[in-house]
N, C-alpha and C. Protein backbone atom coordinates (compact mmCIF):
# COMPACT_ATOMS: atom_id res chain seq x y z
N MET A 1 1.70 -28.43 -23.80
CA MET A 1 0.14 -28.38 -23.12
C MET A 1 -0.38 -28.14 -24.59
N GLN A 2 -1.37 -28.50 -25.05
CA GLN A 2 -2.14 -28.12 -26.13
C GLN A 2 -2.68 -26.38 -25.73
N HIS A 3 -3.16 -26.04 -27.06
CA HIS A 3 -3.48 -24.27 -27.18
C HIS A 3 -4.54 -24.62 -26.79
N SER A 4 -5.59 -25.10 -27.09
CA SER A 4 -7.00 -25.31 -26.15
C SER A 4 -6.71 -25.41 -24.72
N THR A 5 -6.03 -25.93 -24.20
CA THR A 5 -5.74 -26.10 -22.87
C THR A 5 -5.03 -24.78 -22.27
N ILE A 6 -4.00 -24.26 -22.76
CA ILE A 6 -3.59 -23.01 -22.61
C ILE A 6 -4.97 -21.85 -22.68
N PHE A 7 -5.65 -22.18 -23.51
CA PHE A 7 -6.41 -21.13 -23.83
C PHE A 7 -7.62 -21.30 -22.70
N HIS A 8 -7.95 -22.20 -22.00
CA HIS A 8 -8.93 -22.65 -21.30
C HIS A 8 -8.55 -22.33 -19.84
N ILE A 9 -7.53 -22.24 -19.35
CA ILE A 9 -6.48 -21.90 -18.17
C ILE A 9 -6.50 -20.18 -18.18
N ILE A 10 -6.40 -19.53 -19.39
CA ILE A 10 -6.11 -18.12 -19.15
C ILE A 10 -8.21 -17.32 -18.97
N LEU A 11 -9.05 -18.44 -19.92
CA LEU A 11 -10.12 -17.93 -19.79
C LEU A 11 -11.03 -17.86 -17.63
N HIS A 12 -10.47 -19.07 -17.40
CA HIS A 12 -10.46 -19.07 -16.15
C HIS A 12 -9.88 -17.67 -15.14
N PHE A 13 -9.11 -17.18 -15.80
CA PHE A 13 -8.68 -16.17 -15.14
C PHE A 13 -9.33 -15.10 -15.60
N ALA A 14 -9.41 -14.61 -16.75
CA ALA A 14 -9.62 -13.68 -17.67
C ALA A 14 -11.81 -13.11 -17.59
N VAL A 15 -12.15 -14.21 -17.07
CA VAL A 15 -13.99 -14.09 -17.26
C VAL A 15 -14.47 -13.70 -16.11
N PRO A 16 -13.82 -14.33 -14.71
CA PRO A 16 -14.14 -14.00 -13.50
C PRO A 16 -13.28 -11.97 -13.07
N GLY A 17 -12.19 -11.57 -14.00
CA GLY A 17 -11.79 -10.34 -14.09
C GLY A 17 -12.78 -9.53 -14.99
N LEU A 18 -13.41 -10.06 -15.82
CA LEU A 18 -14.49 -9.52 -16.68
C LEU A 18 -15.73 -8.91 -15.75
N ILE A 19 -16.16 -10.10 -15.28
CA ILE A 19 -17.79 -9.73 -14.46
C ILE A 19 -17.11 -8.98 -13.40
N ALA A 20 -15.91 -9.22 -13.14
CA ALA A 20 -15.34 -8.23 -11.74
C ALA A 20 -15.61 -6.80 -12.26
N TRP A 21 -14.83 -6.70 -13.30
CA TRP A 21 -14.68 -5.61 -13.77
C TRP A 21 -15.90 -4.62 -14.03
N ILE A 22 -17.26 -5.73 -14.57
CA ILE A 22 -18.49 -5.27 -14.83
C ILE A 22 -19.30 -5.08 -13.81
N PHE A 23 -19.37 -5.78 -12.87
CA PHE A 23 -19.98 -5.86 -11.63
C PHE A 23 -20.02 -5.49 -10.21
N PHE A 24 -18.46 -5.31 -10.25
CA PHE A 24 -17.68 -4.96 -8.83
C PHE A 24 -16.71 -4.07 -9.04
N LYS A 25 -16.78 -2.94 -10.01
CA LYS A 25 -15.87 -2.03 -10.12
C LYS A 25 -15.13 -1.84 -9.20
N ASN A 26 -15.94 -0.85 -7.96
CA ASN A 26 -15.44 -0.96 -6.48
C ASN A 26 -15.08 -1.16 -5.63
N ASP A 27 -14.79 -2.63 -6.13
CA ASP A 27 -14.38 -3.58 -5.55
C ASP A 27 -13.38 -4.80 -6.28
N PHE A 28 -13.14 -4.31 -7.42
CA PHE A 28 -12.73 -4.86 -8.74
C PHE A 28 -11.37 -6.33 -8.08
N LYS A 29 -10.37 -5.78 -7.66
CA LYS A 29 -9.26 -6.47 -7.32
C LYS A 29 -9.88 -7.75 -6.32
N LYS A 30 -10.48 -7.20 -5.30
CA LYS A 30 -11.02 -8.55 -4.51
C LYS A 30 -12.05 -9.16 -4.75
N SER A 31 -12.99 -8.83 -5.45
CA SER A 31 -14.04 -9.73 -6.14
C SER A 31 -13.17 -10.81 -7.21
N TRP A 32 -12.52 -10.14 -7.65
CA TRP A 32 -11.35 -10.72 -9.05
C TRP A 32 -10.91 -12.28 -8.15
N LEU A 33 -10.24 -11.78 -7.19
CA LEU A 33 -9.67 -12.82 -6.38
C LEU A 33 -10.29 -13.58 -5.42
N ILE A 34 -11.07 -13.25 -5.34
CA ILE A 34 -12.10 -14.43 -4.41
C ILE A 34 -12.78 -15.69 -5.68
N MET A 35 -12.84 -15.15 -6.89
CA MET A 35 -13.58 -15.91 -7.86
C MET A 35 -12.53 -16.33 -8.27
N ILE A 36 -11.25 -16.06 -8.50
CA ILE A 36 -10.29 -16.96 -9.36
C ILE A 36 -9.71 -17.94 -7.86
N SER A 37 -9.63 -17.85 -6.98
CA SER A 37 -9.66 -18.70 -5.99
C SER A 37 -10.16 -20.13 -5.91
N THR A 38 -11.06 -19.78 -6.14
CA THR A 38 -12.28 -20.90 -6.75
C THR A 38 -12.23 -22.02 -7.26
N MET A 39 -10.56 -21.43 -8.07
CA MET A 39 -9.88 -23.07 -8.94
C MET A 39 -9.58 -23.84 -8.15
N ILE A 40 -9.62 -23.60 -6.36
CA ILE A 40 -8.87 -24.79 -5.81
C ILE A 40 -10.14 -25.80 -5.83
N VAL A 41 -11.00 -25.79 -6.07
CA VAL A 41 -11.95 -26.69 -6.93
C VAL A 41 -11.60 -27.79 -7.77
N ASP A 42 -10.49 -27.53 -8.72
CA ASP A 42 -9.58 -28.68 -9.42
C ASP A 42 -8.72 -29.44 -8.58
N LEU A 43 -8.55 -29.42 -7.23
CA LEU A 43 -8.18 -30.32 -6.14
C LEU A 43 -8.65 -32.04 -6.58
N ASP A 44 -9.86 -31.80 -7.04
CA ASP A 44 -10.43 -33.02 -7.05
C ASP A 44 -9.97 -33.96 -8.21
N HIS A 45 -9.31 -33.38 -9.31
CA HIS A 45 -8.56 -33.78 -10.39
C HIS A 45 -7.72 -34.50 -10.09
N LEU A 46 -7.09 -34.65 -8.87
CA LEU A 46 -5.97 -35.31 -7.81
C LEU A 46 -6.21 -36.94 -7.73
N LEU A 47 -7.76 -37.11 -7.46
CA LEU A 47 -8.46 -38.03 -7.62
C LEU A 47 -8.61 -39.11 -8.08
N ALA A 48 -8.55 -38.58 -10.06
CA ALA A 48 -8.59 -39.39 -11.39
C ALA A 48 -7.37 -40.08 -11.64
N ASP A 49 -7.34 -40.70 -12.49
CA ASP A 49 -6.21 -41.58 -12.78
C ASP A 49 -6.07 -41.69 -14.53
N PRO A 50 -5.60 -40.56 -15.41
CA PRO A 50 -4.47 -39.94 -15.06
C PRO A 50 -5.22 -38.56 -14.39
N VAL A 51 -4.46 -37.56 -13.84
CA VAL A 51 -4.75 -36.46 -13.04
C VAL A 51 -4.72 -35.32 -14.00
N PHE A 52 -4.51 -35.80 -15.10
CA PHE A 52 -4.75 -34.41 -16.14
C PHE A 52 -4.94 -35.17 -17.39
N ASP A 53 -6.15 -35.28 -17.97
CA ASP A 53 -6.74 -35.77 -19.39
C ASP A 53 -7.42 -34.90 -20.12
N PRO A 54 -6.57 -34.10 -21.15
CA PRO A 54 -7.46 -32.86 -21.97
C PRO A 54 -8.72 -33.31 -22.41
N ASN A 55 -9.22 -34.38 -22.92
CA ASN A 55 -10.26 -35.44 -23.51
C ASN A 55 -11.45 -35.23 -22.68
N ARG A 56 -11.33 -35.20 -21.12
CA ARG A 56 -12.12 -35.92 -20.09
C ARG A 56 -12.88 -34.50 -19.61
N CYS A 57 -14.18 -35.01 -19.87
CA CYS A 57 -15.23 -33.90 -19.31
C CYS A 57 -15.23 -34.18 -17.95
N SER A 58 -14.84 -32.81 -17.11
CA SER A 58 -14.80 -32.73 -15.73
C SER A 58 -16.38 -32.92 -15.31
N ILE A 59 -17.19 -32.15 -16.02
CA ILE A 59 -18.70 -32.35 -15.28
C ILE A 59 -19.16 -33.32 -15.44
N GLY A 60 -19.87 -33.69 -14.01
CA GLY A 60 -19.88 -35.32 -13.72
C GLY A 60 -18.95 -36.43 -13.67
N PHE A 61 -17.54 -36.05 -13.53
CA PHE A 61 -16.75 -37.25 -13.72
C PHE A 61 -16.13 -36.88 -12.35
N HIS A 62 -15.87 -35.39 -11.82
CA HIS A 62 -14.80 -35.35 -10.54
C HIS A 62 -16.18 -34.79 -9.49
N PRO A 63 -15.74 -35.33 -8.20
CA PRO A 63 -16.51 -34.92 -7.18
C PRO A 63 -17.13 -33.66 -7.16
N LEU A 64 -16.37 -32.49 -7.16
CA LEU A 64 -16.71 -31.06 -6.63
C LEU A 64 -17.01 -30.51 -8.04
N HIS A 65 -17.26 -31.68 -9.28
CA HIS A 65 -17.87 -31.00 -10.88
C HIS A 65 -19.27 -31.27 -11.03
N SER A 66 -19.83 -32.17 -9.69
CA SER A 66 -21.28 -33.32 -10.24
C SER A 66 -22.19 -31.99 -10.00
N VAL A 67 -23.19 -32.58 -10.40
CA VAL A 67 -24.81 -31.95 -10.40
C VAL A 67 -24.98 -31.21 -9.50
N ALA A 68 -24.86 -32.07 -8.29
CA ALA A 68 -25.53 -32.05 -6.47
C ALA A 68 -24.51 -30.85 -6.25
N ALA A 69 -22.97 -30.73 -6.45
CA ALA A 69 -22.17 -29.40 -6.30
C ALA A 69 -21.99 -28.22 -6.93
N ILE A 70 -22.53 -28.25 -8.44
CA ILE A 70 -23.02 -27.50 -8.83
C ILE A 70 -24.30 -26.64 -8.41
N GLY A 71 -25.50 -27.47 -8.32
CA GLY A 71 -26.49 -26.67 -7.61
C GLY A 71 -26.07 -26.27 -5.97
N ILE A 72 -25.47 -26.46 -5.50
CA ILE A 72 -24.91 -25.73 -3.84
C ILE A 72 -24.06 -24.46 -4.57
N TYR A 73 -23.05 -24.33 -5.63
CA TYR A 73 -22.62 -23.64 -5.84
C TYR A 73 -23.79 -22.59 -6.79
N ALA A 74 -24.61 -22.67 -7.13
CA ALA A 74 -25.35 -21.86 -7.59
C ALA A 74 -26.44 -21.35 -6.17
N LEU A 75 -26.42 -21.69 -5.23
CA LEU A 75 -27.18 -21.35 -4.03
C LEU A 75 -26.25 -20.41 -3.90
N MET A 76 -24.81 -20.79 -3.59
CA MET A 76 -24.20 -19.86 -3.11
C MET A 76 -24.42 -18.55 -3.47
N ALA A 77 -24.33 -18.66 -5.01
CA ALA A 77 -24.09 -17.24 -5.82
C ALA A 77 -25.47 -16.56 -5.63
N VAL A 78 -26.79 -16.96 -5.23
CA VAL A 78 -28.19 -16.12 -5.65
C VAL A 78 -28.48 -16.08 -4.20
N VAL A 79 -28.30 -17.19 -3.04
CA VAL A 79 -29.31 -16.94 -1.84
C VAL A 79 -28.29 -16.51 -0.27
N CYS A 80 -27.07 -16.62 -0.57
CA CYS A 80 -26.32 -16.49 0.45
C CYS A 80 -26.54 -14.57 0.60
N GLU A 81 -26.60 -14.34 1.90
CA GLU A 81 -26.54 -12.90 2.02
C GLU A 81 -24.90 -12.05 1.95
N SER A 82 -23.98 -12.65 2.53
CA SER A 82 -22.38 -12.71 2.55
C SER A 82 -22.08 -13.06 0.81
N LYS A 83 -21.16 -11.45 0.55
CA LYS A 83 -20.93 -11.17 -0.46
C LYS A 83 -19.54 -12.14 -0.82
N ILE A 84 -18.87 -12.29 0.01
CA ILE A 84 -17.74 -13.18 -0.31
C ILE A 84 -18.35 -14.67 -0.29
N VAL A 85 -19.48 -14.85 0.25
CA VAL A 85 -19.76 -16.12 -0.61
C VAL A 85 -20.38 -16.14 -1.80
N ARG A 86 -21.31 -15.36 -2.06
CA ARG A 86 -21.82 -14.93 -3.69
C ARG A 86 -20.84 -14.90 -4.18
N LEU A 87 -19.87 -14.06 -4.00
CA LEU A 87 -18.41 -13.91 -5.03
C LEU A 87 -17.57 -15.77 -5.16
N ALA A 88 -17.49 -16.16 -4.35
CA ALA A 88 -17.46 -17.42 -4.59
C ALA A 88 -18.41 -18.67 -5.49
N GLY A 89 -19.33 -18.04 -5.24
CA GLY A 89 -20.36 -19.19 -5.75
C GLY A 89 -20.51 -18.97 -7.15
N THR A 90 -20.17 -17.81 -7.47
CA THR A 90 -20.36 -17.29 -8.75
C THR A 90 -19.08 -17.44 -9.82
N GLY A 91 -17.87 -17.52 -8.91
CA GLY A 91 -16.89 -18.02 -9.24
C GLY A 91 -16.68 -19.61 -9.93
N LEU A 92 -17.49 -20.40 -8.89
CA LEU A 92 -17.25 -21.88 -9.17
C LEU A 92 -18.48 -21.60 -10.08
N ILE A 93 -19.68 -21.10 -10.51
CA ILE A 93 -20.65 -21.43 -11.15
C ILE A 93 -19.46 -20.64 -12.90
N ILE A 94 -18.87 -20.18 -12.91
CA ILE A 94 -17.92 -19.58 -14.04
C ILE A 94 -16.98 -20.54 -14.26
N HIS A 95 -16.50 -21.39 -12.97
CA HIS A 95 -15.43 -22.20 -13.57
C HIS A 95 -16.51 -23.80 -13.94
N MET A 96 -17.32 -23.71 -13.63
CA MET A 96 -18.19 -24.78 -14.19
C MET A 96 -18.60 -24.43 -15.54
N ILE A 97 -18.91 -23.29 -15.75
CA ILE A 97 -19.48 -23.19 -17.04
C ILE A 97 -18.09 -23.71 -18.13
N LEU A 98 -17.25 -22.50 -17.79
CA LEU A 98 -16.27 -23.02 -18.92
C LEU A 98 -15.83 -24.45 -18.58
N ASP A 99 -16.06 -25.27 -17.75
CA ASP A 99 -15.82 -26.79 -17.85
C ASP A 99 -16.60 -27.37 -18.75
N GLY A 100 -18.18 -27.17 -18.66
CA GLY A 100 -18.75 -27.55 -19.39
C GLY A 100 -18.59 -27.04 -20.74
N ILE A 101 -18.06 -25.75 -21.11
CA ILE A 101 -17.91 -25.75 -22.51
C ILE A 101 -17.06 -26.65 -23.44
N ASP A 102 -16.16 -27.28 -22.56
CA ASP A 102 -14.75 -28.10 -22.96
C ASP A 102 -15.46 -29.39 -23.11
N CYS A 103 -16.78 -29.90 -22.84
CA CYS A 103 -17.64 -31.26 -22.84
C CYS A 103 -18.34 -31.15 -24.03
N ILE A 104 -18.78 -30.04 -24.60
CA ILE A 104 -19.03 -29.97 -26.00
C ILE A 104 -18.55 -29.82 -27.08
N CYS A 105 -17.06 -28.86 -26.48
CA CYS A 105 -16.28 -28.41 -27.63
C CYS A 105 -15.22 -29.94 -28.32
């Protein structure tokens, strides 16, 4: 596994942890766990052949990484009243941003 792939995976845990620590200190653990649980969105990689390609841009390629899906995640993060749904939406947006960074680097 390439160093950049390992770093990418670490960021998927560290960035939600940082966001939870800064904005949700009183409920850090629960907030962090909800945000990292959204990595389940990567199940859509199982529809691709090959399943993992470090040079493939996930954004726009996988169904749960589509622009429409990202719009729904943004609405979840901003509009929903449920804290759990907002945290899930935030986790998904963080995930998409991190995957998007891979598309430009």
